[in-house]
Amino acid sequence: MKDPIVEEVRKYRMEHTRKFRGDLSAICADLRSIQIASGYKVVRLSPRKPEPTKASSRPAKPESLGT
């Protein structure tokens, strides 16, 4: 099944890649300039620390103890 939205995104991404002949540095620089020109604030959040998991209060099953 083809998703028309995904197909459209891929089309424009490929056009952008061809414009810079696949030069990833140039592509990224262009995307950064577009981002800056948009006027939207870019937010970078620090990664969340995983919450500690609670140990099970049930005793382990005998077959899981390796006997």
Protein backbone atom coordinates (compact mmCIF):
# COMPACT_ATOMS: atom_id res chain seq x y z
CA MET A 1 0.00 0.00 0.00
CA LYS A 2 1.36 3.42 -0.91
CA ASP A 3 0.69 6.37 1.34
CA PRO A 4 0.29 9.58 -0.72
CA ILE A 5 1.72 11.73 2.07
CA VAL A 6 4.84 9.57 2.38
CA GLU A 7 5.23 9.59 -1.40
CA GLU A 8 5.01 13.39 -1.48
CA VAL A 9 7.62 13.76 1.29
CA ARG A 10 9.95 11.39 -0.54
CA LYS A 11 9.46 13.33 -3.79
CA TYR A 12 10.43 16.67 -2.23
CA ARG A 13 13.31 15.11 -0.29
CA MET A 14 14.70 13.65 -3.51
CA GLU A 15 14.35 17.00 -5.30
CA HIS A 16 16.22 18.70 -2.46
CA THR A 17 18.94 16.04 -2.58
CA ARG A 18 19.37 16.47 -6.35
CA LYS A 19 19.57 20.26 -5.95
CA PHE A 20 22.75 19.79 -3.88
CA ARG A 21 23.96 16.73 -5.81
CA GLY A 22 23.79 14.58 -2.68
CA ASP A 23 26.24 16.76 -0.73
CA LEU A 24 25.04 16.12 2.82
CA SER A 25 26.89 19.14 4.26
CA ALA A 26 25.23 21.46 1.74
CA ILE A 27 21.82 19.88 2.33
CA CYS A 28 22.12 20.32 6.11
CA ALA A 29 23.34 23.91 5.74
CA ASP A 30 20.36 24.70 3.52
CA LEU A 31 17.92 23.09 5.96
CA ARG A 32 19.45 25.10 8.82
CA SER A 33 19.04 28.33 6.87
CA ILE A 34 15.40 27.46 6.14
CA GLN A 35 14.90 26.71 9.83
CA ILE A 36 16.39 30.06 10.87
CA ALA A 37 14.37 31.94 8.27
CA SER A 38 11.15 30.33 9.52
CA GLY A 39 11.33 32.33 12.73
CA TYR A 40 10.25 29.38 14.85
CA LYS A 41 12.18 28.75 18.04
CA VAL A 42 14.08 25.46 18.01
CA VAL A 43 13.81 23.61 21.28
CA ARG A 44 16.34 21.00 22.29
CA LEU A 45 15.43 19.07 25.37
CA SER A 46 17.95 17.08 27.34
CA PRO A 47 17.29 13.35 27.37
CA ARG A 48 15.09 12.07 30.13
CA LYS A 49 16.62 9.72 32.66
CA PRO A 50 14.74 6.44 32.76
CA GLU A 51 12.73 5.91 35.90
CA PRO A 52 13.97 3.01 38.02
CA THR A 53 11.79 -0.04 37.66
CA LYS A 54 10.18 -1.50 40.71
CA ALA A 55 11.30 -5.02 41.60
CA SER A 56 8.53 -7.54 41.58
CA SER A 57 7.18 -8.31 45.05
CA ARG A 58 6.34 -11.86 43.99
CA PRO A 59 8.91 -14.60 44.64
CA ALA A 60 10.68 -15.96 41.57
CA LYS A 61 9.39 -19.18 40.05
CA PRO A 62 11.64 -22.19 40.77
CA GLU A 63 12.23 -22.90 37.04
CA SER A 64 13.64 -19.38 36.56
CA LEU A 65 16.31 -19.90 39.24
CA GLY A 66 18.40 -22.08 36.97
CA THR A 67 17.84 -25.37 38.79
